[in-house]
Amino acid sequence: MTEEIKLPYAYDALEPFIDKETMQVHHDKHYIGYRTKYATAVKGTEFEGKCACCALRDLSKVPENIRAAVRNNGGGQINHKFFWKLLKKDVPFDGPIKDAIEAKWGSFDKFKEEFSNAAATLFGSGWTWLVKDGDELKIIQTPNQDSPISQGMEPILGLDVWEHAYYLKYQNRRPEYIEAFWSVINWEQVNHNLKKSEECCSK
């Protein structure tokens, strides 16, 4: 596994909040699966060898016969790549993101309540996001592997609420997984995302 694909920390680095077995399956099976299927879908097209975000920013430019595969697998690839970087224990909530959240929601607790509720009430599989829509911060939900960038928004923080992200440890207790997420947010990365939107990578 190349460094570009490899999980950027040990599988058990998020214990006890997110377990080793879940991280192994989530990364090695689901994430790698999305990458492989996306590469197959775009082979021989102008998107081959480019970051999936290049296709997802304007899906209307993607050939119709592969558009669904690009949306699903390209979204799965970049959503997860974004998600891995967001996870780290013992990082204090501080910096520009603290100021921005408190300015918009009044307090961290109010933001946490609204974000957690959005994650808990999302029907079926999908993601909950803190995004930048122009200059405004918003909490949104996306179904399946849809990406905020397809809606012209930039992700700042995201939570995967597909069952594969939590079922081995939490079974159907999604609210417990959501609560655990708050203990493994890398706020330094979130501050980076707020300051500078993630650039398209070369692959």
Foldseek 3Di string as FASTA:
>chain_A
DDPLLDQPDQLCQLPPLFHSVLSCCCRVPQQVVLVVQLLVLCPPHPCHQWQLLVCLLEVVPPPPVSSVSSQQSSLSNVVVVLQSVFFHADADQDDPVQVQCCVVQVHPVRVLVVQLVQLVPPPAWWKWFFWQQPNDTDIDIDHRSGDCSSVVIFTLDMDGNHCSNPCVPQNPNSSSSSVSRVRTGNNVSSNVCNVDGDDIDRD
